[in-house]
Structures are given as C-alpha cells and as structure tokens.
Amino acid sequence: MTQLQFDLDTVLDTLAGQGWIVIPQALPADLTANLREACLQVWDEGRFHEAATGRADGQARRAEIRSDSVLWLDQVDELPAVRAYNAAMDEIMQAVNRGLYLGLAELESHFAVYPEGAFYKKHLDRFQDDDARTLTTVFYLNENWPADAGGQIRLYLDQACEAFIDVEPEAGTLVLFLADRFWHEVLPAKQQRLSVTGWYRRQGGSLPW
C-alpha cells in the first residue's frame, strides 16, 4: 500500500517541465513523526558526525561552508520508520524511471541536523568527477516551524542565481530537483532543524564515502 499522499503523474509532469517541485504533506503525518523521533533518538545517542564537503580522499570539514551533522540512513536501516521512508522513496524512483527515463538505480540519503546557527552555503549537489547524482530529495521533519526561525532552503531557479524560491522546512514537505542544474543553500537556522536529504543516483560513478 502506497505511503505517498500526492499524484505521481503531476510530479513527473512538473519535474519534466521545470526540473523542481515542492510537495507539502508528501507522506503521512505518523510516518513523518516517526522519522523525527528516530532522527532525534540517534542524535541523542551521539551517532552523527560533522558533515564534510567533497568526496572520497578529498573530503574535508569546512565549517565556513556547512555546519550541519549527518547520519547515513543505511547505518540505521533497521528502524521501522527508515524502512517505511525508503519504501516510499523507492516508489518515487520507479515512477521517475518509467516516466522520465532517468535510469535511476539507488537512493543514498542521510538524516541531517542543523543546530542553532547552522547553515550550508550555495552549492550544487553533483561532484565534478562523478555525475551519478541525478535527483536531489529533501524531506523535512520540523513540526510547527516558526516563520522567523530561518533554515529555509533557497533554490536558485536560473544559472545567474538571481531568481530563487525559499522553502520553509516544515514537517512533511518534500523537495525534489535536478542535482546538476539548481544551485541552492540552507539559510541559517535559529533553532534545531531536522531533515532527510538524499540523492537518486544513476548507475556508474562511485559512492562518496
């Protein structure tokens, strides 16, 4: 039984037309709440690590670029909420492959925690030497996010990075966009901010760890 609370054909049409989409209340509220609880549980257990930039031997912690902490979901895939989330995201992947022929093969994703004051400067999600990352996914876990708490993802809609939209990190919102086309950043958060961030990957290329 599907967990998706939106019409996949509409999503595919929008991605084909503009390359990005914001979907409020994309998954059931109880699944979102369970994911939030799972994220906070493993955060309290100290299992996260400070996020780095780059990949493989070129990875480095650069706090002037990003200051969040992450935990890859494949390290906690025994948790029921993570299994349910992965199943829902797999359904999206299969639909994208049928409708848009992107040749997606897998999803790599992690919990991301932004402590108060944390941010992520403007960047693209595709590595210069690895074009496997194709479609970025961001799913928010923050219930009743205050309007003045910052932490929005700013998605730039043109190559000059002049036009943009800011997406509030409210629980249940799913953002999808083409990884090689859209520059984006996370604005400084004024309170703890939780999300699941991931990338659908094509076959080929090497994983970034």
Protein backbone atom coordinates (compact mmCIF):
# COMPACT_ATOMS: atom_id res chain seq x y z
CA MET A 1 0.00 0.00 0.00
CA THR A 2 1.44 3.35 -1.04
CA GLN A 3 2.53 5.90 1.57
CA LEU A 4 2.56 8.72 -1.00
CA GLN A 5 -0.04 11.44 -0.47
CA PHE A 6 0.31 13.11 -3.88
CA ASP A 7 -0.30 12.36 -7.53
CA LEU A 8 2.83 10.93 -9.12
CA ASP A 9 1.81 11.95 -12.65
CA THR A 10 1.60 15.59 -11.57
CA VAL A 11 5.05 15.34 -10.00
CA LEU A 12 6.51 13.81 -13.15
CA ASP A 13 4.94 16.47 -15.37
CA THR A 14 6.30 19.25 -13.15
CA LEU A 15 9.80 17.77 -12.99
CA ALA A 16 9.81 17.34 -16.77
CA GLY A 17 8.73 20.95 -17.25
CA GLN A 18 10.73 22.93 -14.69
CA GLY A 19 13.13 20.46 -13.07
CA TRP A 20 11.97 21.01 -9.48
CA ILE A 21 8.89 20.64 -7.29
CA VAL A 22 7.83 21.31 -3.68
CA ILE A 23 5.27 18.86 -2.28
CA PRO A 24 3.62 19.74 1.08
CA GLN A 25 2.39 16.86 3.26
CA ALA A 26 4.01 14.34 0.93
CA LEU A 27 3.92 11.44 3.40
CA PRO A 28 1.52 10.50 6.21
CA ALA A 29 1.84 12.56 9.38
CA ASP A 30 2.52 9.48 11.51
CA LEU A 31 5.43 8.41 9.28
CA THR A 32 6.87 11.92 9.42
CA ALA A 33 6.55 11.94 13.23
CA ASN A 34 8.17 8.50 13.50
CA LEU A 35 11.06 9.65 11.32
CA ARG A 36 11.51 12.72 13.50
CA GLU A 37 11.58 10.56 16.63
CA ALA A 38 14.09 8.19 15.02
CA CYS A 39 16.30 11.10 13.98
CA LEU A 40 16.28 12.59 17.47
CA GLN A 41 16.91 9.18 19.04
CA VAL A 42 20.09 8.53 17.08
CA TRP A 43 21.13 12.16 17.53
CA ASP A 44 20.85 11.78 21.30
CA GLU A 45 22.87 8.55 21.02
CA GLY A 46 25.74 10.55 19.51
CA ARG A 47 25.80 8.65 16.22
CA PHE A 48 26.01 11.68 13.92
CA HIS A 49 29.24 13.10 12.52
CA GLU A 50 30.04 16.59 11.30
CA ALA A 51 29.27 16.90 7.59
CA ALA A 52 32.12 17.36 5.13
CA THR A 53 32.40 18.74 1.61
CA GLY A 54 33.92 16.94 -1.36
CA ARG A 55 34.13 13.17 -1.68
CA ALA A 56 36.48 10.22 -1.14
CA ASP A 57 40.03 11.36 -0.30
CA GLY A 58 39.05 14.97 -0.98
CA GLN A 59 36.51 15.15 1.82
CA ALA A 60 37.12 17.82 4.43
CA ARG A 61 35.16 19.56 7.17
CA ARG A 62 34.81 23.21 6.14
CA ALA A 63 32.71 24.95 8.75
CA GLU A 64 32.68 28.18 6.74
CA ILE A 65 30.68 26.32 4.03
CA ARG A 66 28.45 23.99 6.03
CA SER A 67 27.90 23.40 9.73
CA ASP A 68 25.38 20.57 9.91
CA SER A 69 25.84 16.99 11.12
CA VAL A 70 24.65 13.86 9.32
CA LEU A 71 23.98 10.15 9.71
CA TRP A 72 23.58 7.95 6.62
CA LEU A 73 20.32 6.01 6.63
CA ASP A 74 22.00 2.76 5.63
CA GLN A 75 23.51 2.79 9.13
CA VAL A 76 20.05 2.76 10.72
CA ASP A 77 18.00 0.94 8.08
CA GLU A 78 16.72 -1.49 10.69
CA LEU A 79 14.49 1.24 12.16
CA PRO A 80 10.83 0.80 11.05
CA ALA A 81 10.43 4.49 10.17
CA VAL A 82 13.53 4.39 7.97
CA ARG A 83 12.29 1.24 6.22
CA ALA A 84 8.93 2.88 5.54
CA TYR A 85 10.58 6.04 4.25
CA ASN A 86 12.88 4.08 1.96
CA ALA A 87 9.91 2.15 0.56
CA ALA A 88 8.06 5.39 -0.24
CA MET A 89 11.12 6.91 -1.90
CA ASP A 90 11.63 3.73 -3.92
CA GLU A 91 8.10 4.13 -5.27
CA ILE A 92 9.01 7.63 -6.44
CA MET A 93 12.19 6.33 -8.07
CA GLN A 94 10.33 3.66 -10.01
CA ALA A 95 7.79 6.22 -11.25
CA VAL A 96 10.51 8.66 -12.31
CA ASN A 97 12.25 5.91 -14.25
CA ARG A 98 9.03 4.91 -16.00
CA GLY A 99 8.01 8.47 -16.81
CA LEU A 100 11.25 10.38 -17.32
CA TYR A 101 13.72 7.63 -18.27
CA LEU A 102 16.45 8.92 -15.94
CA GLY A 103 17.89 5.47 -15.28
CA LEU A 104 17.94 5.89 -11.50
CA ALA A 105 19.38 2.88 -9.71
CA GLU A 106 19.53 3.74 -6.00
CA LEU A 107 18.94 6.36 -3.32
CA GLU A 108 21.65 7.48 -0.93
CA SER A 109 20.30 9.56 1.94
CA HIS A 110 21.04 10.74 5.45
CA PHE A 111 19.47 12.41 8.42
CA ALA A 112 20.73 15.99 8.69
CA VAL A 113 20.65 18.02 11.90
CA TYR A 114 21.34 21.74 11.80
CA PRO A 115 21.97 23.05 15.31
CA GLU A 116 21.02 26.63 16.11
CA GLY A 117 23.02 28.94 13.81
CA ALA A 118 23.97 26.21 11.32
CA PHE A 119 23.85 26.77 7.55
CA TYR A 120 25.05 25.43 4.20
CA LYS A 121 26.40 27.91 1.65
CA LYS A 122 25.36 27.93 -2.00
CA HIS A 123 26.37 24.78 -3.89
CA LEU A 124 25.47 22.18 -6.50
CA ASP A 125 24.85 18.57 -5.47
CA ARG A 126 26.78 16.91 -8.29
CA PHE A 127 30.50 16.20 -7.93
CA GLN A 128 32.80 17.43 -10.69
CA ASP A 129 34.28 13.96 -11.22
CA ASP A 130 31.11 11.89 -10.67
CA ASP A 131 27.82 12.54 -12.46
CA ALA A 132 25.83 9.75 -10.79
CA ARG A 133 23.78 12.03 -8.53
CA THR A 134 20.75 12.95 -10.63
CA LEU A 135 17.78 14.00 -8.50
CA THR A 136 18.08 15.62 -5.07
CA THR A 137 15.49 14.86 -2.37
CA VAL A 138 14.90 16.83 0.83
CA PHE A 139 12.20 15.78 3.31
CA TYR A 140 11.57 17.95 6.36
CA LEU A 141 10.81 16.74 9.89
CA ASN A 142 10.27 20.04 11.77
CA GLU A 143 6.80 20.24 13.29
CA ASN A 144 5.29 23.75 13.58
CA TRP A 145 8.39 25.51 12.27
CA PRO A 146 8.18 29.22 13.24
CA ALA A 147 8.08 31.70 10.37
CA ASP A 148 11.02 33.65 11.83
CA ALA A 149 13.24 30.61 12.53
CA GLY A 150 15.16 30.71 9.22
CA GLY A 151 16.53 27.42 7.95
CA GLN A 152 14.84 27.65 4.55
CA ILE A 153 16.34 26.02 1.51
CA ARG A 154 16.91 28.74 -1.08
CA LEU A 155 16.61 27.16 -4.52
CA TYR A 156 18.06 29.28 -7.33
CA LEU A 157 16.00 28.96 -10.49
CA ASP A 158 18.46 30.33 -13.06
CA GLN A 159 22.15 29.93 -13.77
CA ALA A 160 22.83 33.54 -12.75
CA CYS A 161 21.36 32.76 -9.31
CA GLU A 162 19.16 35.85 -9.47
CA ALA A 163 15.72 34.24 -9.27
CA PHE A 164 15.00 31.96 -6.33
CA ILE A 165 12.37 30.48 -4.05
CA ASP A 166 12.69 29.92 -0.30
CA VAL A 167 11.08 26.74 1.02
CA GLU A 168 10.11 26.59 4.68
CA PRO A 169 11.46 23.43 6.39
CA GLU A 170 8.03 22.36 7.66
CA ALA A 171 7.39 18.73 8.56
CA GLY A 172 6.04 16.67 5.67
CA THR A 173 7.33 18.89 2.86
CA LEU A 174 9.29 17.08 0.16
CA VAL A 175 11.52 18.96 -2.28
CA LEU A 176 12.80 17.34 -5.48
CA PHE A 177 15.14 18.97 -8.01
CA LEU A 178 17.69 18.03 -10.65
CA ALA A 179 21.05 17.80 -8.92
CA ASP A 180 23.19 19.20 -11.75
CA ARG A 181 21.01 22.21 -12.57
CA PHE A 182 19.96 24.01 -9.41
CA TRP A 183 22.28 25.87 -7.07
CA HIS A 184 20.88 26.05 -3.56
CA GLU A 185 21.75 26.87 0.02
CA VAL A 186 20.35 26.40 3.52
CA LEU A 187 19.84 29.70 5.29
CA PRO A 188 21.00 29.93 8.92
CA ALA A 189 18.61 28.17 11.28
CA LYS A 190 17.64 29.89 14.53
CA GLN A 191 16.71 26.59 16.17
CA GLN A 192 17.47 22.92 15.65
CA ARG A 193 16.44 21.86 12.12
CA LEU A 194 15.87 18.24 11.05
CA SER A 195 15.60 16.72 7.58
CA VAL A 196 16.30 13.67 5.46
CA THR A 197 18.44 14.63 2.49
CA GLY A 198 19.22 12.29 -0.37
CA TRP A 199 20.16 11.77 -3.97
CA TYR A 200 18.81 9.38 -6.54
CA ARG A 201 21.81 8.06 -8.44
CA ARG A 202 22.26 6.63 -11.89
CA GLN A 203 24.34 3.54 -12.38
CA GLY A 204 28.05 4.29 -12.65
CA GLY A 205 30.25 6.59 -10.63
CA SER A 206 31.46 5.81 -7.14
CA LEU A 207 29.80 6.43 -3.81
CA PRO A 208 31.11 9.48 -1.91
CA TRP A 209 32.39 7.58 1.13
